[in-house]
Amino acid sequence: MRCKLDVYDLEIIRHIEDLLKTDFKIGPDDTIEVNSLLSVIEELFYAFKHLIEEINEIEEDRDENYKPIPVSDQVGISDKDFL
């Protein structure tokens, strides 16, 4: 079964194809197979899941390896300079 895509939906699918480097086989009459639409959803899901995992790894790395730099160290002065 094929679904007719309106201009907006067609543009979105084309952008997704570019982002995911894939071809969802849109017909010359701007139609797409329902299975291809499900494939779009599945690929977006896994791409999103991968990005969330990367963000979590970066946050974990930050938390394990970096500490905040106190303002006094950043500007080179401390309370002792004023006593």
Protein backbone atom coordinates (compact mmCIF):
# COMPACT_ATOMS: atom_id res chain seq x y z
CA MET A 1 0.00 0.00 0.00
CA ARG A 2 1.30 3.44 -0.95
CA CYS A 3 0.61 6.77 0.74
CA LYS A 4 0.52 10.12 -1.03
CA LEU A 5 2.89 12.68 0.52
CA ASP A 6 1.98 16.34 0.58
CA VAL A 7 4.67 18.95 -0.13
CA TYR A 8 5.56 19.41 3.55
CA ASP A 9 5.80 15.67 4.26
CA LEU A 10 7.83 15.12 1.11
CA GLU A 11 10.29 17.81 2.18
CA ILE A 12 10.65 16.24 5.63
CA ILE A 13 11.24 12.76 4.17
CA ARG A 14 13.86 14.19 1.77
CA HIS A 15 15.68 15.86 4.69
CA ILE A 16 15.59 12.60 6.64
CA GLU A 17 17.00 10.75 3.62
CA ASP A 18 19.86 13.26 3.48
CA LEU A 19 20.55 13.03 7.21
CA LEU A 20 20.48 9.24 7.32
CA LYS A 21 22.14 8.78 3.91
CA THR A 22 19.39 6.47 2.71
CA ASP A 23 16.69 6.21 0.06
CA PHE A 24 13.09 5.55 1.05
CA LYS A 25 12.05 4.95 -2.56
CA ILE A 26 9.57 7.78 -3.02
CA GLY A 27 7.68 7.22 -6.26
CA PRO A 28 7.50 9.72 -9.11
CA ASP A 29 3.93 10.48 -8.02
CA ASP A 30 5.20 11.49 -4.53
CA THR A 31 4.00 8.29 -2.91
CA ILE A 32 5.78 6.05 -0.44
CA GLU A 33 5.18 2.49 0.71
CA VAL A 34 3.80 2.14 4.24
CA ASN A 35 6.71 -0.19 5.03
CA SER A 36 9.10 2.58 3.97
CA LEU A 37 7.36 4.98 6.36
CA LEU A 38 7.81 2.46 9.14
CA SER A 39 11.43 2.18 8.10
CA VAL A 40 11.78 5.98 8.41
CA ILE A 41 10.41 5.84 11.95
CA GLU A 42 12.68 2.94 12.87
CA GLU A 43 15.82 4.60 11.50
CA LEU A 44 15.00 7.87 13.25
CA PHE A 45 14.42 5.98 16.49
CA TYR A 46 17.83 4.30 16.33
CA ALA A 47 19.58 7.53 15.31
CA PHE A 48 17.93 9.31 18.23
CA LYS A 49 18.82 6.48 20.62
CA HIS A 50 22.45 6.63 19.45
CA LEU A 51 22.59 10.39 20.05
CA ILE A 52 21.16 10.00 23.55
CA GLU A 53 23.81 7.36 24.32
CA GLU A 54 26.54 9.70 23.05
CA ILE A 55 25.23 12.55 25.19
CA ASN A 56 25.17 10.29 28.24
CA GLU A 57 28.76 9.19 27.57
CA ILE A 58 29.92 12.80 27.21
CA GLU A 59 28.16 13.82 30.42
CA GLU A 60 29.64 10.82 32.23
CA ASP A 61 33.12 11.70 30.94
CA ARG A 62 32.65 15.31 32.04
CA ASP A 63 31.49 14.30 35.50
CA GLU A 64 34.38 11.85 35.96
CA ASN A 65 37.22 13.91 34.49
CA TYR A 66 36.52 17.58 34.98
CA LYS A 67 35.96 19.75 38.03
CA PRO A 68 34.71 23.32 38.21
CA ILE A 69 37.45 25.95 38.33
CA PRO A 70 36.92 28.34 41.25
CA VAL A 71 36.44 31.99 40.29
CA SER A 72 39.54 32.96 42.26
CA ASP A 73 41.64 30.66 40.06
CA GLN A 74 40.02 32.02 36.92
CA VAL A 75 40.76 35.68 37.69
CA GLY A 76 43.97 35.14 39.64
CA ILE A 77 42.89 36.80 42.87
CA SER A 78 41.57 35.51 46.18
CA ASP A 79 40.22 36.84 49.46
CA LYS A 80 43.77 36.80 50.87
CA ASP A 81 44.75 39.55 48.42
CA PHE A 82 42.41 41.94 50.23
CA LEU A 83 43.56 41.27 53.83
